[in-house]
Every structure is written in C-alpha cells, then in structure tokens.
Amino acid sequence: MKRRSSYNMSQIKFELSFGSEILRDGMFLELSVRETSPLRQIAEVFYSDVTHEFFLICYEENIPLEAVEKLISEARISLPPVKQEQST
C-alpha cells in the first residue's frame, strides 16, 4: 500500500510516497521526481521494525537540501509506530 503527496521544491516537482515493506520488515517514505516515467525515486527514509532505527538511503547525488529536509521531517512524523498509552 502506498499513500502519496506532492510538493514543489527547488523548482522541481517532488512526490512523497509512504508504504510498508514486508521483506525488510518496516515502513518507508520515498522521495521521487513527479511526472517521470518510470517514476524516478531519488531518496528514501526507512524505519526498521526490527531495530527501531531510521535509515536514509540516497539513490542520486545532488538532491536539493530543502527536499531532503522535507523528507526527513515527514518521515519522523509518519513512520514511527503509534504508541498506545496504557491506562492505569
């Protein structure tokens, strides 16, 4: 399952796609260049359900800092599992 949202940054149209990855056992938020065919994925933040860590993977060089900052800030909000408060 993927959920997508689009952003214009550094005069480039980017798309953020959220999804889960069974093989790697975690969730990801990927940064792609919109309106490319096939879709050009340039970076990804992956959250591991095994280690409970975030990983940044860049597939291209020279990614605008503004785009990387947006990717990381959205990943911090979207990727960690929701912790349910225990009632006492």
PDB file of N, CA and C in Angstrom:
ATOM      1  N   MET A   1       0.832  -1.180   0.000  1.00  0.00           N
ATOM      2  CA  MET A   1       0.000   0.000   0.000  1.00  0.00           C
ATOM      3  C   MET A   1       0.877   1.245   0.000  1.00  0.00           C
ATOM      4  N   LYS A   2       0.564   2.189  -0.861  1.00  0.00           N
ATOM      5  CA  LYS A   2       1.289   3.450  -0.909  1.00  0.00           C
ATOM      6  C   LYS A   2       0.315   4.610  -0.802  1.00  0.00           C
ATOM      7  N   ARG A   3       0.740   5.615  -0.074  1.00  0.00           N
ATOM      8  CA  ARG A   3      -0.006   6.861   0.039  1.00  0.00           C
ATOM      9  C   ARG A   3       0.914   7.951  -0.496  1.00  0.00           C
ATOM     10  N   ARG A   4       0.418   8.866  -1.327  1.00  0.00           N
ATOM     11  CA  ARG A   4       1.276   9.845  -1.983  1.00  0.00           C
ATOM     12  C   ARG A   4       0.836  11.273  -1.702  1.00  0.00           C
ATOM     13  N   SER A   5       1.820  12.170  -1.687  1.00  0.00           N
ATOM     14  CA  SER A   5       1.552  13.600  -1.639  1.00  0.00           C
ATOM     15  C   SER A   5       2.623  14.293  -2.468  1.00  0.00           C
ATOM     16  N   SER A   6       2.283  15.442  -3.042  1.00  0.00           N
ATOM     17  CA  SER A   6       3.193  16.134  -3.951  1.00  0.00           C
ATOM     18  C   SER A   6       3.631  17.470  -3.375  1.00  0.00           C
ATOM     19  N   TYR A   7       4.864  17.874  -3.718  1.00  0.00           N
ATOM     20  CA  TYR A   7       5.444  19.128  -3.262  1.00  0.00           C
ATOM     21  C   TYR A   7       6.271  19.722  -4.386  1.00  0.00           C
ATOM     22  N   ASN A   8       6.295  21.049  -4.474  1.00  0.00           N
ATOM     23  CA  ASN A   8       7.190  21.740  -5.391  1.00  0.00           C
ATOM     24  C   ASN A   8       8.313  22.336  -4.555  1.00  0.00           C
ATOM     25  N   MET A   9       9.527  21.885  -4.783  1.00  0.00           N
ATOM     26  CA  MET A   9      10.689  22.374  -4.057  1.00  0.00           C
ATOM     27  C   MET A   9      11.813  22.588  -5.051  1.00  0.00           C
ATOM     28  N   SER A  10      12.546  23.669  -4.890  1.00  0.00           N
ATOM     29  CA  SER A  10      13.707  23.948  -5.735  1.00  0.00           C
ATOM     30  C   SER A  10      13.349  23.860  -7.216  1.00  0.00           C
ATOM     31  N   GLN A  11      12.171  24.320  -7.568  1.00  0.00           N
ATOM     32  CA  GLN A  11      11.657  24.332  -8.938  1.00  0.00           C
ATOM     33  C   GLN A  11      11.538  22.938  -9.551  1.00  0.00           C
ATOM     34  N   ILE A  12      11.542  21.923  -8.722  1.00  0.00           N
ATOM     35  CA  ILE A  12      11.352  20.542  -9.163  1.00  0.00           C
ATOM     36  C   ILE A  12      10.104  20.024  -8.468  1.00  0.00           C
ATOM     37  N   LYS A  13       9.284  19.289  -9.170  1.00  0.00           N
ATOM     38  CA  LYS A  13       8.077  18.716  -8.573  1.00  0.00           C
ATOM     39  C   LYS A  13       8.428  17.361  -7.967  1.00  0.00           C
ATOM     40  N   PHE A  14       8.279  17.266  -6.650  1.00  0.00           N
ATOM     41  CA  PHE A  14       8.583  16.034  -5.939  1.00  0.00           C
ATOM     42  C   PHE A  14       7.307  15.378  -5.440  1.00  0.00           C
ATOM     43  N   GLU A  15       7.417  14.110  -5.173  1.00  0.00           N
ATOM     44  CA  GLU A  15       6.312  13.325  -4.637  1.00  0.00           C
ATOM     45  C   GLU A  15       6.848  12.500  -3.475  1.00  0.00           C
ATOM     46  N   LEU A  16       6.113  12.474  -2.374  1.00  0.00           N
ATOM     47  CA  LEU A  16       6.437  11.611  -1.240  1.00  0.00           C
ATOM     48  C   LEU A  16       5.452  10.459  -1.228  1.00  0.00           C
ATOM     49  N   SER A  17       5.968   9.250  -1.130  1.00  0.00           N
ATOM     50  CA  SER A  17       5.124   8.050  -1.099  1.00  0.00           C
ATOM     51  C   SER A  17       5.432   7.262   0.157  1.00  0.00           C
ATOM     52  N   PHE A  18       4.386   6.922   0.886  1.00  0.00           N
ATOM     53  CA  PHE A  18       4.503   6.172   2.131  1.00  0.00           C
ATOM     54  C   PHE A  18       4.037   4.746   1.887  1.00  0.00           C
ATOM     55  N   GLY A  19       4.733   3.784   2.469  1.00  0.00           N
ATOM     56  CA  GLY A  19       4.299   2.399   2.335  1.00  0.00           C
ATOM     57  C   GLY A  19       4.978   1.492   3.339  1.00  0.00           C
ATOM     58  N   SER A  20       4.552   0.243   3.354  1.00  0.00           N
ATOM     59  CA  SER A  20       5.172  -0.744   4.242  1.00  0.00           C
ATOM     60  C   SER A  20       5.925  -1.759   3.397  1.00  0.00           C
ATOM     61  N   GLU A  21       6.955  -2.308   3.978  1.00  0.00           N
ATOM     62  CA  GLU A  21       7.835  -3.247   3.284  1.00  0.00           C
ATOM     63  C   GLU A  21       7.936  -4.520   4.109  1.00  0.00           C
ATOM     64  N   ILE A  22       7.323  -5.582   3.623  1.00  0.00           N
ATOM     65  CA  ILE A  22       7.303  -6.851   4.357  1.00  0.00           C
ATOM     66  C   ILE A  22       8.675  -7.508   4.369  1.00  0.00           C
ATOM     67  N   LEU A  23       9.354  -7.516   3.222  1.00  0.00           N
ATOM     68  CA  LEU A  23      10.656  -8.193   3.142  1.00  0.00           C
ATOM     69  C   LEU A  23      11.704  -7.567   4.054  1.00  0.00           C
ATOM     70  N   ARG A  24      11.712  -6.227   4.143  1.00  0.00           N
ATOM     71  CA  ARG A  24      12.679  -5.549   5.016  1.00  0.00           C
ATOM     72  C   ARG A  24      12.136  -5.354   6.425  1.00  0.00           C
ATOM     73  N   ASP A  25      10.872  -5.682   6.652  1.00  0.00           N
ATOM     74  CA  ASP A  25      10.219  -5.580   7.958  1.00  0.00           C
ATOM     75  C   ASP A  25      10.241  -4.148   8.494  1.00  0.00           C
ATOM     76  N   GLY A  26       9.533  -3.274   7.786  1.00  0.00           N
ATOM     77  CA  GLY A  26       9.458  -1.894   8.233  1.00  0.00           C
ATOM     78  C   GLY A  26       8.577  -1.052   7.332  1.00  0.00           C
ATOM     79  N   MET A  27       8.742   0.277   7.464  1.00  0.00           N
ATOM     80  CA  MET A  27       7.968   1.240   6.693  1.00  0.00           C
ATOM     81  C   MET A  27       8.922   2.200   6.005  1.00  0.00           C
ATOM     82  N   PHE A  28       8.462   2.805   4.909  1.00  0.00           N
ATOM     83  CA  PHE A  28       9.327   3.731   4.184  1.00  0.00           C
ATOM     84  C   PHE A  28       8.558   4.963   3.742  1.00  0.00           C
ATOM     85  N   LEU A  29       9.309   6.018   3.525  1.00  0.00           N
ATOM     86  CA  LEU A  29       8.804   7.222   2.883  1.00  0.00           C
ATOM     87  C   LEU A  29       9.810   7.541   1.789  1.00  0.00           C
ATOM     88  N   GLU A  30       9.360   7.507   0.540  1.00  0.00           N
ATOM     89  CA  GLU A  30      10.294   7.719  -0.559  1.00  0.00           C
ATOM     90  C   GLU A  30      10.040   9.059  -1.242  1.00  0.00           C
ATOM     91  N   LEU A  31      11.123   9.661  -1.697  1.00  0.00           N
ATOM     92  CA  LEU A  31      11.099  10.929  -2.409  1.00  0.00           C
ATOM     93  C   LEU A  31      11.361  10.648  -3.879  1.00  0.00           C
ATOM     94  N   SER A  32      10.421  11.053  -4.728  1.00  0.00           N
ATOM     95  CA  SER A  32      10.536  10.813  -6.169  1.00  0.00           C
ATOM     96  C   SER A  32      10.304  12.110  -6.921  1.00  0.00           C
ATOM     97  N   VAL A  33      10.800  12.153  -8.152  1.00  0.00           N
ATOM     98  CA  VAL A  33      10.525  13.275  -9.038  1.00  0.00           C
ATOM     99  C   VAL A  33       9.206  12.973  -9.732  1.00  0.00           C
ATOM    100  N   ARG A  34       8.251  13.875  -9.557  1.00  0.00           N
ATOM    101  CA  ARG A  34       6.917  13.682 -10.121  1.00  0.00           C
ATOM    102  C   ARG A  34       6.940  13.810 -11.634  1.00  0.00           C
ATOM    103  N   GLU A  35       5.980  13.177 -12.262  1.00  0.00           N
ATOM    104  CA  GLU A  35       5.783  13.248 -13.710  1.00  0.00           C
ATOM    105  C   GLU A  35       6.963  12.682 -14.493  1.00  0.00           C
ATOM    106  N   THR A  36       7.603  11.642 -13.961  1.00  0.00           N
ATOM    107  CA  THR A  36       8.633  10.915 -14.696  1.00  0.00           C
ATOM    108  C   THR A  36       8.124   9.498 -14.921  1.00  0.00           C
ATOM    109  N   SER A  37       8.488   8.923 -16.043  1.00  0.00           N
ATOM    110  CA  SER A  37       8.036   7.567 -16.343  1.00  0.00           C
ATOM    111  C   SER A  37       9.209   6.748 -16.856  1.00  0.00           C
ATOM    112  N   PRO A  38       9.616   5.724 -16.106  1.00  0.00           N
ATOM    113  CA  PRO A  38       9.069   5.317 -14.814  1.00  0.00           C
ATOM    114  C   PRO A  38       9.400   6.355 -13.738  1.00  0.00           C
ATOM    115  N   LEU A  39       8.646   6.314 -12.644  1.00  0.00           N
ATOM    116  CA  LEU A  39       8.835   7.253 -11.548  1.00  0.00           C
ATOM    117  C   LEU A  39      10.275   7.195 -11.053  1.00  0.00           C
ATOM    118  N   ARG A  40      10.941   8.342 -10.986  1.00  0.00           N
ATOM    119  CA  ARG A  40      12.356   8.408 -10.614  1.00  0.00           C
ATOM    120  C   ARG A  40      12.488   8.610  -9.104  1.00  0.00           C
ATOM    121  N   GLN A  41      12.794   7.538  -8.383  1.00  0.00           N
ATOM    122  CA  GLN A  41      12.984   7.599  -6.935  1.00  0.00           C
ATOM    123  C   GLN A  41      14.392   8.099  -6.662  1.00  0.00           C
ATOM    124  N   ILE A  42      14.512   9.156  -5.823  1.00  0.00           N
ATOM    125  CA  ILE A  42      15.841   9.707  -5.575  1.00  0.00           C
ATOM    126  C   ILE A  42      16.332   9.511  -4.147  1.00  0.00           C
ATOM    127  N   ALA A  43      15.419   9.295  -3.198  1.00  0.00           N
ATOM    128  CA  ALA A  43      15.839   9.070  -1.811  1.00  0.00           C
ATOM    129  C   ALA A  43      14.714   8.384  -1.047  1.00  0.00           C
ATOM    130  N   GLU A  44      15.081   7.846   0.109  1.00  0.00           N
ATOM    131  CA  GLU A  44      14.108   7.120   0.922  1.00  0.00           C
ATOM    132  C   GLU A  44      14.543   7.157   2.382  1.00  0.00           C
ATOM    133  N   VAL A  45      13.575   7.282   3.274  1.00  0.00           N
ATOM    134  CA  VAL A  45      13.815   7.055   4.699  1.00  0.00           C
ATOM    135  C   VAL A  45      13.093   5.765   5.042  1.00  0.00           C
ATOM    136  N   PHE A  46      13.817   4.852   5.677  1.00  0.00           N
ATOM    137  CA  PHE A  46      13.260   3.553   6.052  1.00  0.00           C
ATOM    138  C   PHE A  46      13.293   3.432   7.565  1.00  0.00           C
ATOM    139  N   TYR A  47      12.175   2.994   8.154  1.00  0.00           N
ATOM    140  CA  TYR A  47      12.107   2.715   9.590  1.00  0.00           C
ATOM    141  C   TYR A  47      12.025   1.207   9.766  1.00  0.00           C
ATOM    142  N   SER A  48      12.998   0.646  10.483  1.00  0.00           N
ATOM    143  CA  SER A  48      13.052  -0.797  10.705  1.00  0.00           C
ATOM    144  C   SER A  48      12.246  -1.173  11.941  1.00  0.00           C
ATOM    145  N   ASP A  49      11.291  -2.076  11.762  1.00  0.00           N
ATOM    146  CA  ASP A  49      10.541  -2.599  12.900  1.00  0.00           C
ATOM    147  C   ASP A  49      11.405  -3.524  13.751  1.00  0.00           C
ATOM    148  N   VAL A  50      12.505  -4.009  13.195  1.00  0.00           N
ATOM    149  CA  VAL A  50      13.400  -4.924  13.911  1.00  0.00           C
ATOM    150  C   VAL A  50      14.328  -4.155  14.847  1.00  0.00           C
ATOM    151  N   THR A  51      15.008  -3.118  14.313  1.00  0.00           N
ATOM    152  CA  THR A  51      15.995  -2.377  15.111  1.00  0.00           C
ATOM    153  C   THR A  51      15.436  -1.088  15.700  1.00  0.00           C
ATOM    154  N   HIS A  52      14.247  -0.670  15.241  1.00  0.00           N
ATOM    155  CA  HIS A  52      13.617   0.585  15.678  1.00  0.00           C
ATOM    156  C   HIS A  52      14.500   1.790  15.359  1.00  0.00           C
ATOM    157  N   GLU A  53      15.147   1.758  14.181  1.00  0.00           N
ATOM    158  CA  GLU A  53      16.019   2.835  13.734  1.00  0.00           C
ATOM    159  C   GLU A  53      15.551   3.363  12.383  1.00  0.00           C
ATOM    160  N   PHE A  54      15.917   4.616  12.111  1.00  0.00           N
ATOM    161  CA  PHE A  54      15.679   5.241  10.816  1.00  0.00           C
ATOM    162  C   PHE A  54      16.940   5.149   9.973  1.00  0.00           C
ATOM    163  N   PHE A  55      16.768   4.982   8.656  1.00  0.00           N
ATOM    164  CA  PHE A  55      17.887   4.952   7.724  1.00  0.00           C
ATOM    165  C   PHE A  55      17.547   5.845   6.537  1.00  0.00           C
ATOM    166  N   LEU A  56      18.507   6.674   6.111  1.00  0.00           N
ATOM    167  CA  LEU A  56      18.350   7.496   4.920  1.00  0.00           C
ATOM    168  C   LEU A  56      19.135   6.844   3.798  1.00  0.00           C
ATOM    169  N   ILE A  57      18.467   6.581   2.679  1.00  0.00           N
ATOM    170  CA  ILE A  57      19.106   5.987   1.506  1.00  0.00           C
ATOM    171  C   ILE A  57      18.940   6.978   0.357  1.00  0.00           C
ATOM    172  N   CYS A  58      20.048   7.390  -0.257  1.00  0.00           N
ATOM    173  CA  CYS A  58      20.014   8.302  -1.403  1.00  0.00           C
ATOM    174  C   CYS A  58      20.379   7.519  -2.654  1.00  0.00           C
ATOM    175  N   TYR A  59      19.539   7.618  -3.664  1.00  0.00           N
ATOM    176  CA  TYR A  59      19.763   6.905  -4.920  1.00  0.00           C
ATOM    177  C   TYR A  59      20.401   7.791  -5.984  1.00  0.00           C
ATOM    178  N   GLU A  60      20.453   9.097  -5.733  1.00  0.00           N
ATOM    179  CA  GLU A  60      21.067  10.045  -6.661  1.00  0.00           C
ATOM    180  C   GLU A  60      21.902  11.042  -5.880  1.00  0.00           C
ATOM    181  N   GLU A  61      22.820  11.698  -6.576  1.00  0.00           N
ATOM    182  CA  GLU A  61      23.615  12.768  -5.983  1.00  0.00           C
ATOM    183  C   GLU A  61      22.914  14.101  -6.201  1.00  0.00           C
ATOM    184  N   ASN A  62      23.361  15.105  -5.456  1.00  0.00           N
ATOM    185  CA  ASN A  62      22.904  16.485  -5.641  1.00  0.00           C
ATOM    186  C   ASN A  62      21.396  16.650  -5.489  1.00  0.00           C
ATOM    187  N   ILE A  63      20.870  16.102  -4.419  1.00  0.00           N
ATOM    188  CA  ILE A  63      19.454  16.281  -4.092  1.00  0.00           C
ATOM    189  C   ILE A  63      19.333  17.610  -3.348  1.00  0.00           C
ATOM    190  N   PRO A  64      18.394  18.475  -3.718  1.00  0.00           N
ATOM    191  CA  PRO A  64      18.249  19.748  -3.013  1.00  0.00           C
ATOM    192  C   PRO A  64      18.039  19.527  -1.508  1.00  0.00           C
ATOM    193  N   LEU A  65      18.772  20.291  -0.705  1.00  0.00           N
ATOM    194  CA  LEU A  65      18.692  20.156   0.751  1.00  0.00           C
ATOM    195  C   LEU A  65      17.261  20.336   1.242  1.00  0.00           C
ATOM    196  N   GLU A  66      16.543  21.264   0.663  1.00  0.00           N
ATOM    197  CA  GLU A  66      15.152  21.517   1.038  1.00  0.00           C
ATOM    198  C   GLU A  66      14.305  20.245   0.890  1.00  0.00           C
ATOM    199  N   ALA A  67      14.554  19.477  -0.163  1.00  0.00           N
ATOM    200  CA  ALA A  67      13.805  18.238  -0.397  1.00  0.00           C
ATOM    201  C   ALA A  67      14.172  17.174   0.630  1.00  0.00           C
ATOM    202  N   VAL A  68      15.458  17.078   0.968  1.00  0.00           N
ATOM    203  CA  VAL A  68      15.908  16.101   1.971  1.00  0.00           C
ATOM    204  C   VAL A  68      15.345  16.463   3.339  1.00  0.00           C
ATOM    205  N   GLU A  69      15.351  17.747   3.678  1.00  0.00           N
ATOM    206  CA  GLU A  69      14.795  18.189   4.961  1.00  0.00           C
ATOM    207  C   GLU A  69      13.308  17.859   5.060  1.00  0.00           C
ATOM    208  N   LYS A  70      12.571  18.086   3.976  1.00  0.00           N
ATOM    209  CA  LYS A  70      11.133  17.771   3.962  1.00  0.00           C
ATOM    210  C   LYS A  70      10.915  16.271   4.122  1.00  0.00           C
ATOM    211  N   LEU A  71      11.710  15.471   3.413  1.00  0.00           N
ATOM    212  CA  LEU A  71      11.617  14.009   3.509  1.00  0.00           C
ATOM    213  C   LEU A  71      11.847  13.549   4.942  1.00  0.00           C
ATOM    214  N   ILE A  72      12.898  14.048   5.578  1.00  0.00           N
ATOM    215  CA  ILE A  72      13.227  13.625   6.945  1.00  0.00           C
ATOM    216  C   ILE A  72      12.160  14.081   7.936  1.00  0.00           C
ATOM    217  N   SER A  73      11.700  15.325   7.820  1.00  0.00           N
ATOM    218  CA  SER A  73      10.689  15.803   8.779  1.00  0.00           C
ATOM    219  C   SER A  73       9.374  15.038   8.635  1.00  0.00           C
ATOM    220  N   GLU A  74       8.965  14.746   7.407  1.00  0.00           N
ATOM    221  CA  GLU A  74       7.748  13.955   7.194  1.00  0.00           C
ATOM    222  C   GLU A  74       7.926  12.520   7.693  1.00  0.00           C
ATOM    223  N   ALA A  75       9.113  11.961   7.513  1.00  0.00           N
ATOM    224  CA  ALA A  75       9.378  10.589   7.970  1.00  0.00           C
ATOM    225  C   ALA A  75       9.297  10.495   9.490  1.00  0.00           C
ATOM    226  N   ARG A  76       9.805  11.496  10.187  1.00  0.00           N
ATOM    227  CA  ARG A  76       9.751  11.484  11.663  1.00  0.00           C
ATOM    228  C   ARG A  76       8.308  11.477  12.167  1.00  0.00           C
ATOM    229  N   ILE A  77       7.418  12.096  11.420  1.00  0.00           N
ATOM    230  CA  ILE A  77       6.004  12.147  11.800  1.00  0.00           C
ATOM    231  C   ILE A  77       5.268  10.884  11.359  1.00  0.00           C
ATOM    232  N   SER A  78       5.527  10.424  10.147  1.00  0.00           N
ATOM    233  CA  SER A  78       4.735   9.360   9.526  1.00  0.00           C
ATOM    234  C   SER A  78       5.181   7.941   9.829  1.00  0.00           C
ATOM    235  N   LEU A  79       6.482   7.729  10.032  1.00  0.00           N
ATOM    236  CA  LEU A  79       6.978   6.358  10.064  1.00  0.00           C
ATOM    237  C   LEU A  79       7.003   5.651  11.410  1.00  0.00           C
ATOM    238  N   PRO A  80       7.326   6.296  12.509  1.00  0.00           N
ATOM    239  CA  PRO A  80       7.388   5.510  13.748  1.00  0.00           C
ATOM    240  C   PRO A  80       6.032   4.901  14.071  1.00  0.00           C
ATOM    241  N   PRO A  81       6.043   3.722  14.646  1.00  0.00           N
ATOM    242  CA  PRO A  81       4.763   3.115  15.024  1.00  0.00           C
ATOM    243  C   PRO A  81       4.069   3.957  16.087  1.00  0.00           C
ATOM    244  N   VAL A  82       2.766   3.948  16.039  1.00  0.00           N
ATOM    245  CA  VAL A  82       1.975   4.691  17.018  1.00  0.00           C
ATOM    246  C   VAL A  82       2.013   3.939  18.340  1.00  0.00           C
ATOM    247  N   LYS A  83       2.422   4.644  19.393  1.00  0.00           N
ATOM    248  CA  LYS A  83       2.470   4.026  20.717  1.00  0.00           C
ATOM    249  C   LYS A  83       1.145   4.287  21.418  1.00  0.00           C
ATOM    250  N   GLN A  84       0.528   3.227  21.877  1.00  0.00           N
ATOM    251  CA  GLN A  84      -0.732   3.366  22.587  1.00  0.00           C
ATOM    252  C   GLN A  84      -0.438   3.564  24.067  1.00  0.00           C
ATOM    253  N   GLU A  85      -1.090   4.571  24.643  1.00  0.00           N
ATOM    254  CA  GLU A  85      -0.904   4.827  26.067  1.00  0.00           C
ATOM    255  C   GLU A  85      -1.643   3.772  26.871  1.00  0.00           C
ATOM    256  N   GLN A  86      -0.956   3.286  27.893  1.00  0.00           N
ATOM    257  CA  GLN A  86      -1.579   2.292  28.761  1.00  0.00           C
ATOM    258  C   GLN A  86      -2.312   3.010  29.879  1.00  0.00           C
ATOM    259  N   SER A  87      -3.553   2.629  30.097  1.00  0.00           N
ATOM    260  CA  SER A  87      -4.304   3.242  31.188  1.00  0.00           C
ATOM    261  C   SER A  87      -4.007   2.502  32.480  1.00  0.00           C
ATOM    262  N   THR A  88      -3.943   3.258  33.571  1.00  0.00           N
ATOM    263  CA  THR A  88      -3.636   2.657  34.879  1.00  0.00           C
ATOM    264  C   THR A  88      -4.846   2.567  35.745  1.00  0.00           C
TER     265      THR A  88
END
